[in-house]
């Protein structure tokens, strides 16, 4: 799956929340993929990443926020899965809102810069 186009094509928003922790478009996309697929593996696959990488990002998010954003359940064939917690949905919602507001706030300046590019 191709990465989504940044909001309004204006760039990517990365929010540094502490010295060693951030949330950016990749982590938000992973949360969104987990919500859509019910699976860390499927969400990672959609983004072209290994399960190990996707799981590592989920752990980083859970650890960074000090509470689970993603809950997993074990099971046999078709029984396991993952879902966002209420906190996970809130983090994703706030991140997407910040990205949209940031894009809107800089849209005129981005257009001005683009107008300076060679035709």
Protein backbone atom coordinates (compact mmCIF):
# COMPACT_ATOMS: atom_id res chain seq x y z
CA UNK A 1 0.00 0.00 0.00
CA UNK A 2 1.29 3.44 -0.85
CA UNK A 3 1.76 5.91 1.98
CA UNK A 4 -1.05 8.42 2.18
CA UNK A 5 -0.38 11.81 0.66
CA UNK A 6 0.41 14.30 3.42
CA UNK A 7 -2.50 16.51 4.46
CA UNK A 8 -3.07 18.91 1.58
CA UNK A 9 0.27 17.81 0.13
CA UNK A 10 2.03 20.24 2.47
CA UNK A 11 4.36 17.99 4.43
CA UNK A 12 4.46 15.73 7.43
CA UNK A 13 3.90 16.62 11.05
CA UNK A 14 6.12 15.04 13.69
CA UNK A 15 5.33 15.92 17.30
CA UNK A 16 8.16 15.43 19.79
CA UNK A 17 6.51 14.74 23.13
CA UNK A 18 9.66 14.07 25.17
CA UNK A 19 13.38 13.70 24.62
CA UNK A 20 12.98 10.12 23.41
CA UNK A 21 9.39 9.94 22.20
CA UNK A 22 7.42 11.29 19.27
CA UNK A 23 4.42 10.63 17.11
CA UNK A 24 4.52 11.24 13.40
CA UNK A 25 2.76 10.20 10.23
CA UNK A 26 4.10 6.64 10.18
CA UNK A 27 3.02 5.86 13.71
CA UNK A 28 -0.37 7.49 13.11
CA UNK A 29 -0.79 5.53 9.88
CA UNK A 30 0.02 2.32 11.76
CA UNK A 31 -2.61 3.08 14.41
CA UNK A 32 -5.11 3.82 11.65
CA UNK A 33 -4.21 0.56 9.91
CA UNK A 34 -4.68 -1.43 13.11
CA UNK A 35 -8.09 0.18 13.59
CA UNK A 36 -9.04 -0.70 10.00
CA UNK A 37 -7.69 -4.25 9.88
CA UNK A 38 -7.84 -5.46 13.48
CA UNK A 39 -4.29 -6.72 13.10
CA UNK A 40 -0.78 -5.38 13.74
CA UNK A 41 0.59 -7.72 11.08
CA UNK A 42 -1.95 -6.66 8.44
CA UNK A 43 -1.50 -2.97 9.25
CA UNK A 44 2.28 -3.30 8.96
CA UNK A 45 1.97 -5.25 5.73
CA UNK A 46 -0.22 -2.51 4.23
CA UNK A 47 2.62 -0.09 4.99
CA UNK A 48 5.33 -2.37 3.64
CA UNK A 49 6.91 -3.12 7.01
CA UNK A 50 7.64 -6.33 8.84
CA UNK A 51 5.57 -7.54 11.76
CA UNK A 52 8.62 -7.08 13.98
CA UNK A 53 8.92 -3.41 12.98
CA UNK A 54 5.17 -2.81 13.40
CA UNK A 55 5.16 -4.50 16.81
CA UNK A 56 8.17 -2.41 17.87
CA UNK A 57 6.33 0.79 16.94
CA UNK A 58 3.23 -0.34 18.85
CA UNK A 59 5.39 -1.04 21.91
CA UNK A 60 7.06 2.38 21.58
CA UNK A 61 3.65 4.06 21.42
CA UNK A 62 2.29 2.10 24.39
CA UNK A 63 5.44 2.78 26.43
CA UNK A 64 5.68 6.43 25.41
CA UNK A 65 2.13 7.23 26.45
CA UNK A 66 2.40 5.08 29.58
CA UNK A 67 -0.81 3.28 28.72
CA UNK A 68 -1.82 0.85 26.01
CA UNK A 69 -2.95 2.49 22.78
CA UNK A 70 -3.25 -0.95 21.18
CA UNK A 71 -4.57 -4.07 22.88
CA UNK A 72 -3.86 -7.50 21.47
CA UNK A 73 -5.58 -10.80 21.95
CA UNK A 74 -4.07 -14.20 21.30
CA UNK A 75 -5.87 -17.01 19.66
CA UNK A 76 -5.83 -19.68 17.05
CA UNK A 77 -6.65 -19.20 13.43
CA UNK A 78 -8.90 -16.17 13.08
CA UNK A 79 -9.14 -15.65 16.85
CA UNK A 80 -6.24 -13.27 17.58
CA UNK A 81 -6.11 -9.63 16.73
CA UNK A 82 -5.47 -6.09 17.83
CA UNK A 83 -7.59 -3.05 18.40
CA UNK A 84 -7.10 0.52 19.49
CA UNK A 85 -8.04 1.42 23.02
CA UNK A 86 -10.01 4.58 23.75
CA UNK A 87 -6.64 6.23 24.43
CA UNK A 88 -5.34 5.01 21.07
CA UNK A 89 -8.33 6.45 19.24
CA UNK A 90 -7.90 9.75 21.13
CA UNK A 91 -4.19 9.97 20.26
CA UNK A 92 -4.93 9.27 16.60
CA UNK A 93 -7.75 11.80 16.52
CA UNK A 94 -5.65 14.54 18.13
CA UNK A 95 -2.71 13.84 15.84
CA UNK A 96 -4.87 13.98 12.69
CA UNK A 97 -6.51 17.21 13.90
CA UNK A 98 -3.09 18.80 14.53
CA UNK A 99 -1.87 17.74 11.08
CA UNK A 100 -4.91 19.29 9.40
CA UNK A 101 -4.61 22.53 11.40
CA UNK A 102 -0.89 22.75 10.63
CA UNK A 103 -1.49 22.25 6.92
CA UNK A 104 -4.16 24.94 6.91
CA UNK A 105 -1.95 27.36 8.86
CA UNK A 106 0.94 27.13 6.39
CA UNK A 107 -0.98 26.71 3.13
CA UNK A 108 -0.49 30.33 1.96
CA UNK A 109 3.24 30.25 2.65
CA UNK A 110 3.63 26.90 0.88
CA UNK A 111 1.77 28.30 -2.14
CA UNK A 112 4.07 31.35 -2.10
CA UNK A 113 7.16 29.12 -2.05
CA UNK A 114 5.77 26.98 -4.86
CA UNK A 115 5.19 30.11 -6.94
CA UNK A 116 8.94 30.76 -6.75
CA UNK A 117 9.80 27.40 -8.29
CA UNK A 118 10.87 27.36 -11.93
CA UNK A 119 7.98 26.75 -14.28
